[in-house]
Amino acid sequence: MALDPLLLEVLACPEDKGPLLYFADEDRLYNPRLHRSYAVRDGIPVMLIDEAVTLDEAEHERLLAKAAAGGAVSTMSSNGSSNGSSNGSSNGSSNGSSNGQDDGPDDAKAGDS
């Protein structure tokens, strides 16, 4: 069973957060940077670091050659710009609310209205 294309757009390696290669005919996702393979069981990717299999150099080269020949699909194809936007929005709101110094901004708002 092939993975949903929308799922492939967001799947990332749980260890280095980078894209993976999806080999549908082998039911596996592969991280060529770490030489780690993640199983796809019954159409569900098993993205647990503890269950990943580290591949030897020969298997790594085989998968890279297969991917270069069009035998794999890369994940995270349209996810490049969303990583930065989520980091910036969470930092600003948490700093102001945990400071405990509400008097300054509230006084300025009360004086303006």
N, C-alpha and C. Protein backbone atom coordinates (compact mmCIF):
# COMPACT_ATOMS: atom_id res chain seq x y z
N MET A 1 0.85 -1.18 0.00
CA MET A 1 0.00 0.00 0.00
C MET A 1 0.90 1.25 0.00
N ALA A 2 0.72 2.11 -0.97
CA ALA A 2 1.54 3.32 -1.09
C ALA A 2 1.10 4.38 -0.08
N LEU A 3 2.05 5.19 0.34
CA LEU A 3 1.75 6.27 1.28
C LEU A 3 1.05 7.42 0.56
N ASP A 4 0.21 8.11 1.27
CA ASP A 4 -0.52 9.26 0.76
C ASP A 4 0.48 10.37 0.38
N PRO A 5 0.33 10.98 -0.79
CA PRO A 5 1.24 12.06 -1.21
C PRO A 5 1.27 13.23 -0.23
N LEU A 6 0.15 13.53 0.43
CA LEU A 6 0.14 14.62 1.42
C LEU A 6 1.00 14.25 2.63
N LEU A 7 0.98 12.99 3.02
CA LEU A 7 1.82 12.55 4.12
C LEU A 7 3.29 12.64 3.74
N LEU A 8 3.62 12.30 2.52
CA LEU A 8 5.00 12.37 2.06
C LEU A 8 5.55 13.80 2.11
N GLU A 9 4.68 14.78 1.93
CA GLU A 9 5.12 16.18 1.96
C GLU A 9 5.58 16.61 3.35
N VAL A 10 5.09 15.98 4.40
CA VAL A 10 5.42 16.41 5.76
C VAL A 10 6.32 15.45 6.52
N LEU A 11 6.51 14.24 5.99
CA LEU A 11 7.34 13.26 6.70
C LEU A 11 8.79 13.71 6.73
N ALA A 12 9.40 13.61 7.90
CA ALA A 12 10.81 13.93 8.08
C ALA A 12 11.44 12.89 8.99
N CYS A 13 12.73 12.79 8.93
CA CYS A 13 13.44 11.88 9.82
C CYS A 13 13.28 12.35 11.25
N PRO A 14 12.90 11.48 12.16
CA PRO A 14 12.72 11.89 13.55
C PRO A 14 14.04 12.25 14.24
N GLU A 15 15.15 11.82 13.66
CA GLU A 15 16.44 12.08 14.30
C GLU A 15 17.06 13.39 13.83
N ASP A 16 17.20 13.60 12.51
CA ASP A 16 17.85 14.83 12.03
C ASP A 16 16.87 15.81 11.38
N LYS A 17 15.59 15.47 11.35
CA LYS A 17 14.51 16.33 10.85
C LYS A 17 14.61 16.64 9.35
N GLY A 18 15.44 15.91 8.64
CA GLY A 18 15.60 16.13 7.20
C GLY A 18 14.70 15.24 6.37
N PRO A 19 14.72 15.44 5.05
CA PRO A 19 13.88 14.65 4.16
C PRO A 19 14.34 13.20 4.07
N LEU A 20 13.43 12.35 3.65
CA LEU A 20 13.67 10.92 3.49
C LEU A 20 13.42 10.52 2.05
N LEU A 21 13.92 9.37 1.68
CA LEU A 21 13.59 8.77 0.39
C LEU A 21 12.58 7.66 0.64
N TYR A 22 11.48 7.68 -0.13
CA TYR A 22 10.44 6.68 0.03
C TYR A 22 10.53 5.67 -1.11
N PHE A 23 10.75 4.41 -0.75
CA PHE A 23 10.79 3.31 -1.71
C PHE A 23 9.51 2.51 -1.53
N ALA A 24 8.51 2.82 -2.34
CA ALA A 24 7.19 2.19 -2.19
C ALA A 24 7.26 0.68 -2.40
N ASP A 25 8.06 0.23 -3.35
CA ASP A 25 8.12 -1.20 -3.65
C ASP A 25 8.83 -2.00 -2.56
N GLU A 26 9.55 -1.32 -1.68
CA GLU A 26 10.24 -2.00 -0.57
C GLU A 26 9.62 -1.67 0.79
N ASP A 27 8.56 -0.87 0.79
CA ASP A 27 7.90 -0.46 2.04
C ASP A 27 8.92 0.09 3.04
N ARG A 28 9.67 1.09 2.59
CA ARG A 28 10.67 1.69 3.48
C ARG A 28 10.87 3.15 3.17
N LEU A 29 11.22 3.88 4.22
CA LEU A 29 11.69 5.26 4.12
C LEU A 29 13.15 5.23 4.51
N TYR A 30 13.97 5.99 3.80
CA TYR A 30 15.41 5.91 4.04
C TYR A 30 16.02 7.29 4.19
N ASN A 31 16.85 7.42 5.22
CA ASN A 31 17.62 8.64 5.43
C ASN A 31 19.05 8.36 4.97
N PRO A 32 19.44 8.89 3.80
CA PRO A 32 20.78 8.62 3.30
C PRO A 32 21.89 9.32 4.09
N ARG A 33 21.55 10.36 4.83
CA ARG A 33 22.56 11.07 5.62
C ARG A 33 23.01 10.24 6.82
N LEU A 34 22.08 9.52 7.43
CA LEU A 34 22.39 8.72 8.62
C LEU A 34 22.44 7.22 8.33
N HIS A 35 22.15 6.84 7.07
CA HIS A 35 22.10 5.43 6.65
C HIS A 35 21.05 4.66 7.45
N ARG A 36 19.92 5.31 7.77
CA ARG A 36 18.87 4.68 8.57
C ARG A 36 17.64 4.41 7.72
N SER A 37 17.07 3.23 7.92
CA SER A 37 15.88 2.81 7.20
C SER A 37 14.71 2.66 8.18
N TYR A 38 13.56 3.20 7.79
CA TYR A 38 12.34 3.12 8.60
C TYR A 38 11.32 2.29 7.83
N ALA A 39 10.75 1.30 8.48
CA ALA A 39 9.78 0.41 7.85
C ALA A 39 8.44 1.12 7.65
N VAL A 40 7.72 0.67 6.62
CA VAL A 40 6.32 1.06 6.41
C VAL A 40 5.53 -0.22 6.53
N ARG A 41 4.70 -0.32 7.58
CA ARG A 41 3.92 -1.53 7.84
C ARG A 41 2.44 -1.26 7.65
N ASP A 42 1.83 -2.00 6.77
CA ASP A 42 0.40 -1.85 6.46
C ASP A 42 0.05 -0.41 6.11
N GLY A 43 0.94 0.24 5.37
CA GLY A 43 0.70 1.61 4.95
C GLY A 43 0.98 2.66 6.00
N ILE A 44 1.57 2.27 7.12
CA ILE A 44 1.86 3.20 8.22
C ILE A 44 3.38 3.27 8.43
N PRO A 45 3.96 4.45 8.28
CA PRO A 45 5.40 4.57 8.51
C PRO A 45 5.73 4.45 10.00
N VAL A 46 6.69 3.61 10.31
CA VAL A 46 7.12 3.42 11.70
C VAL A 46 8.32 4.35 11.92
N MET A 47 8.05 5.54 12.45
CA MET A 47 9.06 6.58 12.57
C MET A 47 9.66 6.64 13.97
N LEU A 48 10.00 5.48 14.50
CA LEU A 48 10.62 5.39 15.82
C LEU A 48 12.11 5.17 15.65
N ILE A 49 12.90 6.03 16.27
CA ILE A 49 14.36 5.93 16.14
C ILE A 49 14.84 4.57 16.61
N ASP A 50 14.27 4.06 17.68
CA ASP A 50 14.69 2.77 18.22
C ASP A 50 14.42 1.60 17.27
N GLU A 51 13.46 1.76 16.37
CA GLU A 51 13.15 0.68 15.43
C GLU A 51 13.79 0.87 14.07
N ALA A 52 14.50 1.96 13.86
CA ALA A 52 15.19 2.18 12.60
C ALA A 52 16.35 1.20 12.47
N VAL A 53 16.63 0.83 11.22
CA VAL A 53 17.73 -0.10 10.95
C VAL A 53 18.85 0.67 10.26
N THR A 54 20.06 0.58 10.80
CA THR A 54 21.21 1.21 10.18
C THR A 54 21.75 0.28 9.10
N LEU A 55 21.86 0.81 7.87
CA LEU A 55 22.27 0.00 6.73
C LEU A 55 23.77 0.10 6.49
N ASP A 56 24.33 -0.98 5.95
CA ASP A 56 25.76 -0.97 5.61
C ASP A 56 25.98 -0.18 4.32
N GLU A 57 27.24 0.01 3.99
CA GLU A 57 27.61 0.84 2.83
C GLU A 57 27.08 0.27 1.52
N ALA A 58 27.10 -1.03 1.36
CA ALA A 58 26.63 -1.65 0.12
C ALA A 58 25.13 -1.40 -0.09
N GLU A 59 24.34 -1.56 0.96
CA GLU A 59 22.90 -1.32 0.86
C GLU A 59 22.62 0.17 0.65
N HIS A 60 23.38 1.01 1.30
CA HIS A 60 23.26 2.46 1.11
C HIS A 60 23.48 2.82 -0.36
N GLU A 61 24.55 2.30 -0.96
CA GLU A 61 24.86 2.58 -2.37
C GLU A 61 23.77 2.04 -3.29
N ARG A 62 23.23 0.87 -2.96
CA ARG A 62 22.15 0.30 -3.78
C ARG A 62 20.93 1.20 -3.78
N LEU A 63 20.56 1.68 -2.59
CA LEU A 63 19.38 2.54 -2.50
C LEU A 63 19.61 3.89 -3.19
N LEU A 64 20.80 4.45 -3.05
CA LEU A 64 21.09 5.72 -3.74
C LEU A 64 21.02 5.55 -5.25
N ALA A 65 21.55 4.45 -5.77
CA ALA A 65 21.48 4.19 -7.21
C ALA A 65 20.03 4.00 -7.66
N LYS A 66 19.27 3.30 -6.87
CA LYS A 66 17.86 3.09 -7.20
C LYS A 66 17.10 4.42 -7.19
N ALA A 67 17.38 5.27 -6.20
CA ALA A 67 16.73 6.58 -6.13
C ALA A 67 17.12 7.44 -7.32
N ALA A 68 18.39 7.41 -7.70
CA ALA A 68 18.86 8.19 -8.85
C ALA A 68 18.20 7.75 -10.15
N ALA A 69 17.83 6.47 -10.21
CA ALA A 69 17.17 5.93 -11.40
C ALA A 69 15.66 6.15 -11.37
N GLY A 70 15.18 6.88 -10.36
CA GLY A 70 13.75 7.18 -10.28
C GLY A 70 12.95 6.20 -9.45
N GLY A 71 13.61 5.37 -8.68
CA GLY A 71 12.91 4.37 -7.89
C GLY A 71 12.48 4.82 -6.52
N ALA A 72 12.60 6.12 -6.22
CA ALA A 72 12.21 6.63 -4.91
C ALA A 72 11.63 8.03 -5.05
N VAL A 73 10.85 8.41 -4.05
CA VAL A 73 10.27 9.75 -3.98
C VAL A 73 10.82 10.42 -2.73
N SER A 74 11.20 11.68 -2.85
CA SER A 74 11.71 12.41 -1.70
C SER A 74 10.56 13.00 -0.90
N THR A 75 10.66 12.95 0.42
CA THR A 75 9.65 13.56 1.28
C THR A 75 9.96 15.04 1.46
N MET A 76 9.04 15.75 2.08
CA MET A 76 9.19 17.17 2.41
C MET A 76 9.38 18.03 1.16
N SER A 77 8.71 17.68 0.08
CA SER A 77 8.91 18.39 -1.19
C SER A 77 8.47 19.83 -1.16
N SER A 78 7.47 20.19 -0.35
CA SER A 78 7.01 21.58 -0.31
C SER A 78 6.97 22.11 1.12
N ASN A 79 7.88 21.67 1.98
CA ASN A 79 7.83 22.03 3.38
C ASN A 79 8.95 22.98 3.79
N GLY A 80 9.72 23.50 2.84
CA GLY A 80 10.89 24.29 3.19
C GLY A 80 10.60 25.57 3.93
N SER A 81 9.53 26.30 3.62
CA SER A 81 9.30 27.61 4.23
C SER A 81 8.54 27.55 5.54
N SER A 82 7.92 26.44 5.88
CA SER A 82 7.11 26.42 7.11
C SER A 82 7.94 26.24 8.36
N ASN A 83 9.17 25.73 8.27
CA ASN A 83 9.96 25.51 9.47
C ASN A 83 10.30 26.81 10.17
N GLY A 84 10.69 27.84 9.46
CA GLY A 84 11.09 29.09 10.08
C GLY A 84 9.93 29.87 10.68
N SER A 85 8.77 29.80 10.07
CA SER A 85 7.66 30.61 10.57
C SER A 85 7.12 30.10 11.90
N SER A 86 7.17 28.81 12.15
CA SER A 86 6.64 28.32 13.41
C SER A 86 7.57 28.65 14.57
N ASN A 87 8.86 28.76 14.33
CA ASN A 87 9.79 29.07 15.41
C ASN A 87 9.64 30.51 15.88
N GLY A 88 9.45 31.43 14.98
CA GLY A 88 9.37 32.84 15.35
C GLY A 88 8.11 33.19 16.12
N SER A 89 6.99 32.59 15.80
CA SER A 89 5.74 32.98 16.44
C SER A 89 5.66 32.52 17.89
N SER A 90 6.28 31.42 18.23
CA SER A 90 6.16 30.92 19.60
C SER A 90 7.05 31.68 20.57
N ASN A 91 8.16 32.23 20.11
CA ASN A 91 9.07 32.90 21.01
C ASN A 91 8.51 34.23 21.52
N GLY A 92 7.89 35.00 20.69
CA GLY A 92 7.42 36.32 21.10
C GLY A 92 6.31 36.28 22.12
N SER A 93 5.36 35.40 21.97
CA SER A 93 4.22 35.38 22.88
C SER A 93 4.57 34.82 24.25
N SER A 94 5.48 33.88 24.32
CA SER A 94 5.77 33.27 25.61
C SER A 94 6.63 34.18 26.48
N ASN A 95 7.48 35.01 25.90
CA ASN A 95 8.34 35.87 26.70
C ASN A 95 7.55 36.95 27.43
N GLY A 96 6.61 37.58 26.77
CA GLY A 96 5.86 38.67 27.39
C GLY A 96 4.92 38.19 28.49
N SER A 97 4.26 37.08 28.31
CA SER A 97 3.28 36.63 29.29
C SER A 97 3.93 36.07 30.55
N SER A 98 5.12 35.53 30.46
CA SER A 98 5.75 34.95 31.63
C SER A 98 6.57 35.98 32.42
N ASN A 99 6.69 37.20 31.92
CA ASN A 99 7.52 38.21 32.56
C ASN A 99 6.90 38.71 33.85
N GLY A 100 5.59 38.85 33.91
CA GLY A 100 4.92 39.31 35.11
C GLY A 100 4.88 40.83 35.23
N GLN A 101 5.37 41.55 34.26
CA GLN A 101 5.36 43.01 34.31
C GLN A 101 4.28 43.54 33.38
N ASP A 102 3.02 43.37 33.79
CA ASP A 102 1.89 43.78 32.96
C ASP A 102 1.62 45.28 33.08
N ASP A 103 2.09 45.90 34.15
CA ASP A 103 1.71 47.28 34.44
C ASP A 103 2.09 48.24 33.33
N GLY A 104 3.27 48.10 32.74
CA GLY A 104 3.70 49.02 31.70
C GLY A 104 2.77 49.02 30.49
N PRO A 105 2.59 47.90 29.82
CA PRO A 105 1.73 47.88 28.65
C PRO A 105 0.27 48.20 28.96
N ASP A 106 -0.26 47.74 30.10
CA ASP A 106 -1.66 48.00 30.43
C ASP A 106 -1.88 49.48 30.71
N ASP A 107 -0.94 50.12 31.41
CA ASP A 107 -1.05 51.54 31.70
C ASP A 107 -1.04 52.35 30.41
N ALA A 108 -0.21 51.96 29.47
CA ALA A 108 -0.15 52.70 28.21
C ALA A 108 -1.45 52.54 27.44
N LYS A 109 -2.04 51.36 27.46
CA LYS A 109 -3.29 51.14 26.76
C LYS A 109 -4.43 51.91 27.45
N ALA A 110 -4.42 51.92 28.78
CA ALA A 110 -5.48 52.61 29.52
C ALA A 110 -5.40 54.12 29.27
N GLY A 111 -4.20 54.65 29.18
CA GLY A 111 -4.04 56.08 28.95
C GLY A 111 -4.46 56.48 27.55
N ASP A 112 -4.29 55.57 26.57
CA ASP A 112 -4.65 55.87 25.20
C ASP A 112 -6.16 55.86 25.00
N SER A 113 -6.91 55.08 25.77
CA SER A 113 -8.34 54.96 25.54
C SER A 113 -9.10 55.80 26.49
